[in-house]
Amino acid sequence: MPADGKLKAGDRIIGVENHQIQEANDLIDYVQTKQAGQTLKFDIKRDGKNLTKKNKIRKVQR
């Protein structure tokens, strides 16, 4: 499971490592600059609450 149960359907990612996320491409562009194995801090909005979750990047098989 890519988000290891830390991110859920309906979560809105609003930031990663103190970088504001406006649209999906902002997140994709930022994460692509990182290496597999790095842990990133995601700022999310879930059910009207702001939360921070950490998740380790894994290489995705295509």
PDB file of N, CA and C in Angstrom:
ATOM      1  N   MET A   1       0.845  -1.170   0.000  1.00  0.00           N
ATOM      2  CA  MET A   1       0.000   0.000   0.000  1.00  0.00           C
ATOM      3  C   MET A   1       0.896   1.241   0.000  1.00  0.00           C
ATOM      4  N   PRO A   2       0.760   2.132  -0.978  1.00  0.00           N
ATOM      5  CA  PRO A   2       1.674   3.259  -1.121  1.00  0.00           C
ATOM      6  C   PRO A   2       1.743   4.211   0.065  1.00  0.00           C
ATOM      7  N   ALA A   3       0.668   4.487   0.739  1.00  0.00           N
ATOM      8  CA  ALA A   3       0.695   5.459   1.843  1.00  0.00           C
ATOM      9  C   ALA A   3       0.720   4.781   3.199  1.00  0.00           C
ATOM     10  N   ASP A   4       0.922   3.481   3.242  1.00  0.00           N
ATOM     11  CA  ASP A   4       1.028   2.725   4.494  1.00  0.00           C
ATOM     12  C   ASP A   4      -0.098   3.033   5.474  1.00  0.00           C
ATOM     13  N   GLY A   5      -1.295   3.325   4.965  1.00  0.00           N
ATOM     14  CA  GLY A   5      -2.439   3.583   5.824  1.00  0.00           C
ATOM     15  C   GLY A   5      -2.425   4.944   6.496  1.00  0.00           C
ATOM     16  N   LYS A   6      -1.455   5.790   6.176  1.00  0.00           N
ATOM     17  CA  LYS A   6      -1.361   7.104   6.819  1.00  0.00           C
ATOM     18  C   LYS A   6      -2.198   8.151   6.105  1.00  0.00           C
ATOM     19  N   LEU A   7      -2.362   8.002   4.804  1.00  0.00           N
ATOM     20  CA  LEU A   7      -3.217   8.894   4.042  1.00  0.00           C
ATOM     21  C   LEU A   7      -4.459   8.114   3.651  1.00  0.00           C
ATOM     22  N   LYS A   8      -5.592   8.793   3.688  1.00  0.00           N
ATOM     23  CA  LYS A   8      -6.855   8.122   3.402  1.00  0.00           C
ATOM     24  C   LYS A   8      -7.558   8.786   2.233  1.00  0.00           C
ATOM     25  N   ALA A   9      -8.438   8.028   1.592  1.00  0.00           N
ATOM     26  CA  ALA A   9      -9.256   8.592   0.522  1.00  0.00           C
ATOM     27  C   ALA A   9      -9.998   9.800   1.080  1.00  0.00           C
ATOM     28  N   GLY A  10      -9.976  10.887   0.339  1.00  0.00           N
ATOM     29  CA  GLY A  10     -10.632  12.105   0.775  1.00  0.00           C
ATOM     30  C   GLY A  10      -9.700  13.099   1.452  1.00  0.00           C
ATOM     31  N   ASP A  11      -8.500  12.651   1.863  1.00  0.00           N
ATOM     32  CA  ASP A  11      -7.519  13.582   2.417  1.00  0.00           C
ATOM     33  C   ASP A  11      -7.110  14.573   1.333  1.00  0.00           C
ATOM     34  N   ARG A  12      -6.939  15.817   1.723  1.00  0.00           N
ATOM     35  CA  ARG A  12      -6.451  16.826   0.791  1.00  0.00           C
ATOM     36  C   ARG A  12      -5.052  17.218   1.235  1.00  0.00           C
ATOM     37  N   ILE A  13      -4.050  16.940   0.407  1.00  0.00           N
ATOM     38  CA  ILE A  13      -2.670  17.301   0.738  1.00  0.00           C
ATOM     39  C   ILE A  13      -2.518  18.790   0.455  1.00  0.00           C
ATOM     40  N   ILE A  14      -2.181  19.545   1.496  1.00  0.00           N
ATOM     41  CA  ILE A  14      -2.058  20.996   1.358  1.00  0.00           C
ATOM     42  C   ILE A  14      -0.606  21.459   1.439  1.00  0.00           C
ATOM     43  N   GLY A  15       0.297  20.545   1.817  1.00  0.00           N
ATOM     44  CA  GLY A  15       1.714  20.888   1.884  1.00  0.00           C
ATOM     45  C   GLY A  15       2.563  19.655   2.051  1.00  0.00           C
ATOM     46  N   VAL A  16       3.815  19.794   1.648  1.00  0.00           N
ATOM     47  CA  VAL A  16       4.792  18.732   1.861  1.00  0.00           C
ATOM     48  C   VAL A  16       6.126  19.410   2.163  1.00  0.00           C
ATOM     49  N   GLU A  17       6.704  19.051   3.319  1.00  0.00           N
ATOM     50  CA  GLU A  17       7.983  19.634   3.738  1.00  0.00           C
ATOM     51  C   GLU A  17       7.952  21.164   3.669  1.00  0.00           C
ATOM     52  N   ASN A  18       6.881  21.754   4.162  1.00  0.00           N
ATOM     53  CA  ASN A  18       6.708  23.208   4.204  1.00  0.00           C
ATOM     54  C   ASN A  18       6.593  23.864   2.833  1.00  0.00           C
ATOM     55  N   HIS A  19       6.302  23.088   1.799  1.00  0.00           N
ATOM     56  CA  HIS A  19       6.017  23.616   0.462  1.00  0.00           C
ATOM     57  C   HIS A  19       4.507  23.529   0.255  1.00  0.00           C
ATOM     58  N   GLN A  20       3.897  24.635  -0.097  1.00  0.00           N
ATOM     59  CA  GLN A  20       2.454  24.666  -0.307  1.00  0.00           C
ATOM     60  C   GLN A  20       2.096  23.904  -1.579  1.00  0.00           C
ATOM     61  N   ILE A  21       1.034  23.120  -1.498  1.00  0.00           N
ATOM     62  CA  ILE A  21       0.536  22.342  -2.634  1.00  0.00           C
ATOM     63  C   ILE A  21      -0.794  22.938  -3.079  1.00  0.00           C
ATOM     64  N   GLN A  22      -0.852  23.404  -4.318  1.00  0.00           N
ATOM     65  CA  GLN A  22      -2.079  23.967  -4.873  1.00  0.00           C
ATOM     66  C   GLN A  22      -2.827  22.959  -5.740  1.00  0.00           C
ATOM     67  N   GLU A  23      -2.061  22.135  -6.448  1.00  0.00           N
ATOM     68  CA  GLU A  23      -2.676  21.146  -7.346  1.00  0.00           C
ATOM     69  C   GLU A  23      -1.799  19.904  -7.377  1.00  0.00           C
ATOM     70  N   ALA A  24      -2.334  18.835  -7.923  1.00  0.00           N
ATOM     71  CA  ALA A  24      -1.649  17.539  -7.910  1.00  0.00           C
ATOM     72  C   ALA A  24      -0.250  17.613  -8.521  1.00  0.00           C
ATOM     73  N   ASN A  25      -0.089  18.383  -9.589  1.00  0.00           N
ATOM     74  CA  ASN A  25       1.227  18.470 -10.227  1.00  0.00           C
ATOM     75  C   ASN A  25       2.283  19.085  -9.318  1.00  0.00           C
ATOM     76  N   ASP A  26       1.883  19.974  -8.403  1.00  0.00           N
ATOM     77  CA  ASP A  26       2.837  20.538  -7.441  1.00  0.00           C
ATOM     78  C   ASP A  26       3.420  19.424  -6.577  1.00  0.00           C
ATOM     79  N   LEU A  27       2.561  18.525  -6.122  1.00  0.00           N
ATOM     80  CA  LEU A  27       3.006  17.408  -5.288  1.00  0.00           C
ATOM     81  C   LEU A  27       3.878  16.454  -6.086  1.00  0.00           C
ATOM     82  N   ILE A  28       3.440  16.104  -7.272  1.00  0.00           N
ATOM     83  CA  ILE A  28       4.197  15.178  -8.121  1.00  0.00           C
ATOM     84  C   ILE A  28       5.578  15.739  -8.410  1.00  0.00           C
ATOM     85  N   ASP A  29       5.640  16.995  -8.809  1.00  0.00           N
ATOM     86  CA  ASP A  29       6.927  17.625  -9.135  1.00  0.00           C
ATOM     87  C   ASP A  29       7.869  17.618  -7.939  1.00  0.00           C
ATOM     88  N   TYR A  30       7.356  17.920  -6.756  1.00  0.00           N
ATOM     89  CA  TYR A  30       8.201  17.959  -5.561  1.00  0.00           C
ATOM     90  C   TYR A  30       8.705  16.560  -5.191  1.00  0.00           C
ATOM     91  N   VAL A  31       7.798  15.598  -5.137  1.00  0.00           N
ATOM     92  CA  VAL A  31       8.181  14.247  -4.714  1.00  0.00           C
ATOM     93  C   VAL A  31       9.171  13.615  -5.700  1.00  0.00           C
ATOM     94  N   GLN A  32       9.055  13.933  -6.980  1.00  0.00           N
ATOM     95  CA  GLN A  32       9.978  13.371  -7.964  1.00  0.00           C
ATOM     96  C   GLN A  32      11.417  13.838  -7.760  1.00  0.00           C
ATOM     97  N   THR A  33      11.628  14.902  -6.993  1.00  0.00           N
ATOM     98  CA  THR A  33      12.989  15.369  -6.731  1.00  0.00           C
ATOM     99  C   THR A  33      13.636  14.621  -5.569  1.00  0.00           C
ATOM    100  N   LYS A  34      12.886  13.764  -4.905  1.00  0.00           N
ATOM    101  CA  LYS A  34      13.371  13.046  -3.727  1.00  0.00           C
ATOM    102  C   LYS A  34      13.740  11.606  -4.080  1.00  0.00           C
ATOM    103  N   GLN A  35      14.492  10.988  -3.197  1.00  0.00           N
ATOM    104  CA  GLN A  35      14.952   9.619  -3.399  1.00  0.00           C
ATOM    105  C   GLN A  35      14.080   8.634  -2.625  1.00  0.00           C
ATOM    106  N   ALA A  36      13.929   7.441  -3.176  1.00  0.00           N
ATOM    107  CA  ALA A  36      13.233   6.365  -2.458  1.00  0.00           C
ATOM    108  C   ALA A  36      13.935   6.161  -1.118  1.00  0.00           C
ATOM    109  N   GLY A  37      13.150   5.966  -0.081  1.00  0.00           N
ATOM    110  CA  GLY A  37      13.694   5.756   1.259  1.00  0.00           C
ATOM    111  C   GLY A  37      13.637   7.010   2.126  1.00  0.00           C
ATOM    112  N   GLN A  38      13.514   8.184   1.504  1.00  0.00           N
ATOM    113  CA  GLN A  38      13.397   9.413   2.278  1.00  0.00           C
ATOM    114  C   GLN A  38      12.015   9.490   2.920  1.00  0.00           C
ATOM    115  N   THR A  39      11.945  10.076   4.099  1.00  0.00           N
ATOM    116  CA  THR A  39      10.676  10.293   4.777  1.00  0.00           C
ATOM    117  C   THR A  39      10.293  11.758   4.614  1.00  0.00           C
ATOM    118  N   LEU A  40       9.064  11.991   4.187  1.00  0.00           N
ATOM    119  CA  LEU A  40       8.557  13.343   3.990  1.00  0.00           C
ATOM    120  C   LEU A  40       7.406  13.621   4.948  1.00  0.00           C
ATOM    121  N   LYS A  41       7.253  14.887   5.300  1.00  0.00           N
ATOM    122  CA  LYS A  41       6.162  15.332   6.163  1.00  0.00           C
ATOM    123  C   LYS A  41       5.077  15.927   5.274  1.00  0.00           C
ATOM    124  N   PHE A  42       3.885  15.360   5.351  1.00  0.00           N
ATOM    125  CA  PHE A  42       2.739  15.810   4.570  1.00  0.00           C
ATOM    126  C   PHE A  42       1.766  16.538   5.475  1.00  0.00           C
ATOM    127  N   ASP A  43       1.380  17.734   5.078  1.00  0.00           N
ATOM    128  CA  ASP A  43       0.324  18.482   5.770  1.00  0.00           C
ATOM    129  C   ASP A  43      -0.964  18.194   5.015  1.00  0.00           C
ATOM    130  N   ILE A  44      -1.957  17.696   5.733  1.00  0.00           N
ATOM    131  CA  ILE A  44      -3.212  17.314   5.082  1.00  0.00           C
ATOM    132  C   ILE A  44      -4.396  17.938   5.797  1.00  0.00           C
ATOM    133  N   LYS A  45      -5.493  17.984   5.086  1.00  0.00           N
ATOM    134  CA  LYS A  45      -6.773  18.399   5.663  1.00  0.00           C
ATOM    135  C   LYS A  45      -7.686  17.179   5.585  1.00  0.00           C
ATOM    136  N   ARG A  46      -8.160  16.740   6.750  1.00  0.00           N
ATOM    137  CA  ARG A  46      -9.039  15.564   6.828  1.00  0.00           C
ATOM    138  C   ARG A  46     -10.231  15.913   7.716  1.00  0.00           C
ATOM    139  N   ASP A  47     -11.402  15.775   7.160  1.00  0.00           N
ATOM    140  CA  ASP A  47     -12.633  16.055   7.920  1.00  0.00           C
ATOM    141  C   ASP A  47     -12.593  17.427   8.577  1.00  0.00           C
ATOM    142  N   GLY A  48     -12.059  18.433   7.852  1.00  0.00           N
ATOM    143  CA  GLY A  48     -12.016  19.792   8.361  1.00  0.00           C
ATOM    144  C   GLY A  48     -10.888  20.084   9.333  1.00  0.00           C
ATOM    145  N   LYS A  49     -10.059  19.096   9.628  1.00  0.00           N
ATOM    146  CA  LYS A  49      -8.951  19.276  10.566  1.00  0.00           C
ATOM    147  C   LYS A  49      -7.624  19.241   9.818  1.00  0.00           C
ATOM    148  N   ASN A  50      -6.660  20.058  10.251  1.00  0.00           N
ATOM    149  CA  ASN A  50      -5.315  20.024   9.695  1.00  0.00           C
ATOM    150  C   ASN A  50      -4.486  19.015  10.470  1.00  0.00           C
ATOM    151  N   LEU A  51      -3.841  18.108   9.758  1.00  0.00           N
ATOM    152  CA  LEU A  51      -3.015  17.067  10.353  1.00  0.00           C
ATOM    153  C   LEU A  51      -1.677  17.019   9.644  1.00  0.00           C
ATOM    154  N   THR A  52      -0.675  16.458  10.299  1.00  0.00           N
ATOM    155  CA  THR A  52       0.624  16.218   9.691  1.00  0.00           C
ATOM    156  C   THR A  52       0.913  14.728   9.783  1.00  0.00           C
ATOM    157  N   LYS A  53       1.290  14.147   8.657  1.00  0.00           N
ATOM    158  CA  LYS A  53       1.628  12.723   8.605  1.00  0.00           C
ATOM    159  C   LYS A  53       2.977  12.570   7.943  1.00  0.00           C
ATOM    160  N   LYS A  54       3.788  11.659   8.440  1.00  0.00           N
ATOM    161  CA  LYS A  54       5.078  11.360   7.816  1.00  0.00           C
ATOM    162  C   LYS A  54       4.949  10.051   7.057  1.00  0.00           C
ATOM    163  N   ASN A  55       5.592  10.012   5.898  1.00  0.00           N
ATOM    164  CA  ASN A  55       5.541   8.805   5.085  1.00  0.00           C
ATOM    165  C   ASN A  55       6.840   8.652   4.322  1.00  0.00           C
ATOM    166  N   LYS A  56       7.301   7.419   4.219  1.00  0.00           N
ATOM    167  CA  LYS A  56       8.537   7.113   3.500  1.00  0.00           C
ATOM    168  C   LYS A  56       8.236   6.906   2.023  1.00  0.00           C
ATOM    169  N   ILE A  57       9.056   7.512   1.180  1.00  0.00           N
ATOM    170  CA  ILE A  57       8.895   7.374  -0.269  1.00  0.00           C
ATOM    171  C   ILE A  57       9.402   6.006  -0.698  1.00  0.00           C
ATOM    172  N   ARG A  58       8.603   5.346  -1.534  1.00  0.00           N
ATOM    173  CA  ARG A  58       9.019   4.076  -2.118  1.00  0.00           C
ATOM    174  C   ARG A  58       9.004   4.188  -3.630  1.00  0.00           C
ATOM    175  N   LYS A  59       9.852   3.432  -4.258  1.00  0.00           N
ATOM    176  CA  LYS A  59       9.885   3.422  -5.714  1.00  0.00           C
ATOM    177  C   LYS A  59       8.638   2.705  -6.226  1.00  0.00           C
ATOM    178  N   VAL A  60       7.980   3.320  -7.191  1.00  0.00           N
ATOM    179  CA  VAL A  60       6.757   2.762  -7.769  1.00  0.00           C
ATOM    180  C   VAL A  60       7.124   1.978  -9.015  1.00  0.00           C
ATOM    181  N   GLN A  61       6.641   0.746  -9.077  1.00  0.00           N
ATOM    182  CA  GLN A  61       6.855  -0.078 -10.274  1.00  0.00           C
ATOM    183  C   GLN A  61       5.825   0.292 -11.312  1.00  0.00           C
ATOM    184  N   ARG A  62       6.266   0.589 -12.513  1.00  0.00           N
ATOM    185  CA  ARG A  62       5.329   0.942 -13.603  1.00  0.00           C
ATOM    186  C   ARG A  62       5.253  -0.155 -14.608  1.00  0.00           C
TER     187      ARG A  62
END
